[in-house]
Amino acid sequence: MDTLPEYFPYKDDGCEVSPTCLRCPLPQCKYDDPGWLARVRRDLRDRQVVEARRCGDVTIGDLARRFGLSVRTVHRILGKGQENGKSDA
């Protein structure tokens, strides 16, 4: 039987960001562009790594352990931060 969309019992299960789609705080659905949310989270993490290096006397190894990254990834993040005009010292 073909029912009208407004009478179809759609499930609003949400995701790990929000319990329901209709109350989601994201400006875009993570399922519309699957890489978008990962990029936003990675950029936030990268800013936190650069800020932690700038504000504290921490080693690359300390940063790698704190953020669960490899030493090489921390070097890449800090290098990218310097390219954007930010200092890591």
N, C-alpha and C. Protein backbone atom coordinates (compact mmCIF):
# COMPACT_ATOMS: atom_id res chain seq x y z
N MET A 1 0.84 -1.18 0.00
CA MET A 1 0.00 0.00 0.00
C MET A 1 0.88 1.25 0.00
N ASP A 2 0.58 2.16 -0.88
CA ASP A 2 1.36 3.39 -1.01
C ASP A 2 0.74 4.46 -0.09
N THR A 3 1.49 4.86 0.92
CA THR A 3 0.98 5.88 1.85
C THR A 3 1.67 7.21 1.60
N LEU A 4 1.03 8.24 2.04
CA LEU A 4 1.61 9.57 1.93
C LEU A 4 2.83 9.67 2.85
N PRO A 5 3.85 10.44 2.47
CA PRO A 5 5.06 10.53 3.30
C PRO A 5 4.77 11.00 4.73
N GLU A 6 3.80 11.87 4.90
CA GLU A 6 3.51 12.37 6.25
C GLU A 6 2.87 11.31 7.15
N TYR A 7 2.41 10.21 6.54
CA TYR A 7 1.82 9.14 7.34
C TYR A 7 2.77 7.94 7.50
N PHE A 8 3.93 8.02 6.89
CA PHE A 8 4.90 6.93 7.00
C PHE A 8 5.66 7.07 8.32
N PRO A 9 5.79 6.00 9.07
CA PRO A 9 6.45 6.09 10.39
C PRO A 9 7.99 6.10 10.26
N TYR A 10 8.55 7.22 9.87
CA TYR A 10 10.00 7.34 9.75
C TYR A 10 10.63 7.24 11.13
N LYS A 11 11.76 6.56 11.21
CA LYS A 11 12.49 6.46 12.47
C LYS A 11 13.50 7.61 12.51
N ASP A 12 13.49 8.34 13.58
CA ASP A 12 14.45 9.43 13.79
C ASP A 12 15.44 8.96 14.85
N ASP A 13 16.40 8.15 14.41
CA ASP A 13 17.36 7.55 15.34
C ASP A 13 18.54 8.46 15.68
N GLY A 14 18.75 9.50 14.89
CA GLY A 14 19.88 10.38 15.13
C GLY A 14 21.20 9.66 14.88
N CYS A 15 22.22 10.07 15.63
CA CYS A 15 23.55 9.48 15.52
C CYS A 15 24.30 9.78 16.81
N GLU A 16 25.63 9.61 16.81
CA GLU A 16 26.38 9.87 18.04
C GLU A 16 26.44 11.36 18.39
N VAL A 17 26.09 12.21 17.46
CA VAL A 17 26.10 13.65 17.70
C VAL A 17 24.83 14.10 18.42
N SER A 18 23.70 13.55 18.01
CA SER A 18 22.41 13.95 18.57
C SER A 18 21.47 12.76 18.59
N PRO A 19 20.65 12.62 19.63
CA PRO A 19 19.74 11.48 19.68
C PRO A 19 18.63 11.53 18.62
N THR A 20 18.33 12.72 18.09
CA THR A 20 17.33 12.83 17.04
C THR A 20 17.83 13.77 15.95
N CYS A 21 17.47 13.47 14.73
CA CYS A 21 17.87 14.31 13.60
C CYS A 21 17.24 15.70 13.66
N LEU A 22 15.99 15.76 14.10
CA LEU A 22 15.28 17.03 14.09
C LEU A 22 15.81 18.02 15.12
N ARG A 23 16.61 17.56 16.08
CA ARG A 23 17.18 18.46 17.09
C ARG A 23 18.70 18.50 17.02
N CYS A 24 19.24 18.12 15.90
CA CYS A 24 20.69 18.06 15.74
C CYS A 24 21.29 19.46 15.66
N PRO A 25 22.40 19.72 16.37
CA PRO A 25 23.02 21.04 16.34
C PRO A 25 23.94 21.26 15.13
N LEU A 26 24.23 20.22 14.37
CA LEU A 26 25.14 20.37 13.24
C LEU A 26 24.51 21.19 12.13
N PRO A 27 25.30 22.01 11.45
CA PRO A 27 24.76 22.79 10.34
C PRO A 27 24.48 21.94 9.11
N GLN A 28 25.04 20.73 9.07
CA GLN A 28 24.89 19.83 7.95
C GLN A 28 24.86 18.40 8.51
N CYS A 29 24.07 17.55 7.91
CA CYS A 29 24.00 16.16 8.39
C CYS A 29 25.29 15.44 8.06
N LYS A 30 25.79 14.69 9.05
CA LYS A 30 27.04 13.96 8.84
C LYS A 30 26.89 12.90 7.76
N TYR A 31 25.68 12.45 7.50
CA TYR A 31 25.47 11.44 6.46
C TYR A 31 25.41 12.06 5.07
N ASP A 32 25.17 13.36 4.94
CA ASP A 32 25.15 14.01 3.63
C ASP A 32 26.56 14.11 3.05
N ASP A 33 27.55 14.32 3.91
CA ASP A 33 28.96 14.37 3.50
C ASP A 33 29.76 13.66 4.57
N PRO A 34 29.94 12.35 4.43
CA PRO A 34 30.57 11.56 5.49
C PRO A 34 31.95 12.06 5.92
N GLY A 35 32.71 12.65 5.05
CA GLY A 35 34.03 13.15 5.40
C GLY A 35 34.01 14.47 6.13
N TRP A 36 32.90 15.18 6.07
CA TRP A 36 32.81 16.52 6.65
C TRP A 36 33.04 16.50 8.16
N LEU A 37 32.34 15.66 8.88
CA LEU A 37 32.47 15.62 10.33
C LEU A 37 33.87 15.17 10.74
N ALA A 38 34.43 14.23 10.01
CA ALA A 38 35.80 13.78 10.31
C ALA A 38 36.79 14.92 10.12
N ARG A 39 36.61 15.73 9.07
CA ARG A 39 37.50 16.88 8.84
C ARG A 39 37.37 17.91 9.95
N VAL A 40 36.15 18.17 10.38
CA VAL A 40 35.92 19.15 11.45
C VAL A 40 36.59 18.67 12.74
N ARG A 41 36.41 17.40 13.05
CA ARG A 41 37.02 16.85 14.27
C ARG A 41 38.55 16.86 14.18
N ARG A 42 39.09 16.51 13.02
CA ARG A 42 40.54 16.50 12.84
C ARG A 42 41.10 17.92 12.95
N ASP A 43 40.43 18.88 12.36
CA ASP A 43 40.90 20.27 12.44
C ASP A 43 40.88 20.77 13.88
N LEU A 44 39.84 20.42 14.63
CA LEU A 44 39.77 20.80 16.04
C LEU A 44 40.92 20.17 16.82
N ARG A 45 41.15 18.87 16.60
CA ARG A 45 42.25 18.19 17.27
C ARG A 45 43.59 18.83 16.92
N ASP A 46 43.78 19.17 15.65
CA ASP A 46 45.04 19.78 15.23
C ASP A 46 45.26 21.12 15.92
N ARG A 47 44.19 21.91 16.05
CA ARG A 47 44.32 23.20 16.75
C ARG A 47 44.66 22.98 18.22
N GLN A 48 44.09 21.95 18.81
CA GLN A 48 44.39 21.65 20.22
C GLN A 48 45.84 21.22 20.39
N VAL A 49 46.38 20.46 19.44
CA VAL A 49 47.78 20.04 19.50
C VAL A 49 48.70 21.25 19.41
N VAL A 50 48.43 22.13 18.46
CA VAL A 50 49.26 23.33 18.28
C VAL A 50 49.18 24.21 19.52
N GLU A 51 47.99 24.37 20.06
CA GLU A 51 47.81 25.20 21.26
C GLU A 51 48.52 24.59 22.47
N ALA A 52 48.43 23.29 22.62
CA ALA A 52 49.10 22.62 23.75
C ALA A 52 50.61 22.80 23.64
N ARG A 53 51.14 22.73 22.45
CA ARG A 53 52.59 22.91 22.25
C ARG A 53 52.99 24.34 22.54
N ARG A 54 52.16 25.28 22.12
CA ARG A 54 52.48 26.70 22.30
C ARG A 54 52.39 27.11 23.77
N CYS A 55 51.42 26.59 24.49
CA CYS A 55 51.17 27.04 25.86
C CYS A 55 51.95 26.28 26.92
N GLY A 56 52.47 25.12 26.59
CA GLY A 56 53.13 24.34 27.62
C GLY A 56 54.51 23.88 27.20
N ASP A 57 55.26 23.43 28.18
CA ASP A 57 56.58 22.90 27.92
C ASP A 57 56.44 21.39 27.77
N VAL A 58 55.90 20.97 26.62
CA VAL A 58 55.66 19.55 26.38
C VAL A 58 56.47 19.08 25.18
N THR A 59 56.85 17.84 25.22
CA THR A 59 57.62 17.28 24.12
C THR A 59 56.67 16.73 23.05
N ILE A 60 57.24 16.43 21.90
CA ILE A 60 56.46 15.82 20.82
C ILE A 60 55.88 14.48 21.28
N GLY A 61 56.69 13.72 22.00
CA GLY A 61 56.23 12.43 22.52
C GLY A 61 55.07 12.58 23.49
N ASP A 62 55.14 13.63 24.35
CA ASP A 62 54.04 13.89 25.28
C ASP A 62 52.75 14.18 24.51
N LEU A 63 52.87 15.00 23.48
CA LEU A 63 51.69 15.34 22.67
C LEU A 63 51.13 14.10 21.98
N ALA A 64 52.02 13.27 21.45
CA ALA A 64 51.58 12.05 20.77
C ALA A 64 50.80 11.15 21.73
N ARG A 65 51.30 10.99 22.93
CA ARG A 65 50.60 10.15 23.91
C ARG A 65 49.28 10.79 24.34
N ARG A 66 49.30 12.08 24.59
CA ARG A 66 48.09 12.77 25.07
C ARG A 66 46.94 12.68 24.05
N PHE A 67 47.28 12.82 22.78
CA PHE A 67 46.23 12.85 21.74
C PHE A 67 46.07 11.52 21.02
N GLY A 68 46.85 10.51 21.41
CA GLY A 68 46.74 9.20 20.78
C GLY A 68 47.20 9.19 19.34
N LEU A 69 48.28 9.92 19.05
CA LEU A 69 48.80 10.05 17.70
C LEU A 69 50.21 9.50 17.62
N SER A 70 50.69 9.32 16.40
CA SER A 70 52.09 8.96 16.23
C SER A 70 52.93 10.23 16.32
N VAL A 71 54.21 10.06 16.61
CA VAL A 71 55.13 11.20 16.66
C VAL A 71 55.16 11.90 15.30
N ARG A 72 55.16 11.12 14.23
CA ARG A 72 55.19 11.69 12.88
C ARG A 72 53.95 12.55 12.62
N THR A 73 52.79 12.11 13.07
CA THR A 73 51.57 12.89 12.87
C THR A 73 51.64 14.20 13.64
N VAL A 74 52.18 14.18 14.85
CA VAL A 74 52.34 15.42 15.61
C VAL A 74 53.27 16.37 14.88
N HIS A 75 54.37 15.86 14.31
CA HIS A 75 55.27 16.71 13.52
C HIS A 75 54.54 17.33 12.33
N ARG A 76 53.71 16.54 11.64
CA ARG A 76 52.96 17.08 10.50
C ARG A 76 52.00 18.17 10.93
N ILE A 77 51.30 17.93 12.06
CA ILE A 77 50.34 18.93 12.55
C ILE A 77 51.06 20.22 12.91
N LEU A 78 52.17 20.11 13.62
CA LEU A 78 52.91 21.31 14.01
C LEU A 78 53.50 22.02 12.80
N GLY A 79 53.95 21.26 11.81
CA GLY A 79 54.46 21.86 10.58
C GLY A 79 53.38 22.60 9.83
N LYS A 80 52.20 22.01 9.78
CA LYS A 80 51.06 22.66 9.11
C LYS A 80 50.69 23.94 9.85
N GLY A 81 50.77 23.90 11.19
CA GLY A 81 50.47 25.09 11.99
C GLY A 81 51.43 26.23 11.69
N GLN A 82 52.69 25.89 11.48
CA GLN A 82 53.69 26.93 11.15
C GLN A 82 53.44 27.49 9.76
N GLU A 83 53.04 26.63 8.82
CA GLU A 83 52.74 27.10 7.47
C GLU A 83 51.59 28.09 7.45
N ASN A 84 50.67 27.94 8.39
CA ASN A 84 49.51 28.83 8.46
C ASN A 84 49.82 30.09 9.25
N GLY A 85 51.10 30.33 9.52
CA GLY A 85 51.47 31.56 10.23
C GLY A 85 51.44 31.44 11.73
N LYS A 86 51.35 30.24 12.23
CA LYS A 86 51.31 30.03 13.68
C LYS A 86 52.65 29.49 14.12
N SER A 87 53.05 29.86 15.30
CA SER A 87 54.30 29.35 15.85
C SER A 87 53.97 28.22 16.81
N ASP A 88 54.83 27.18 16.84
CA ASP A 88 54.61 26.09 17.77
C ASP A 88 55.47 26.22 19.01
N ALA A 89 56.19 27.30 19.15
CA ALA A 89 57.04 27.48 20.33
C ALA A 89 56.44 28.50 21.26
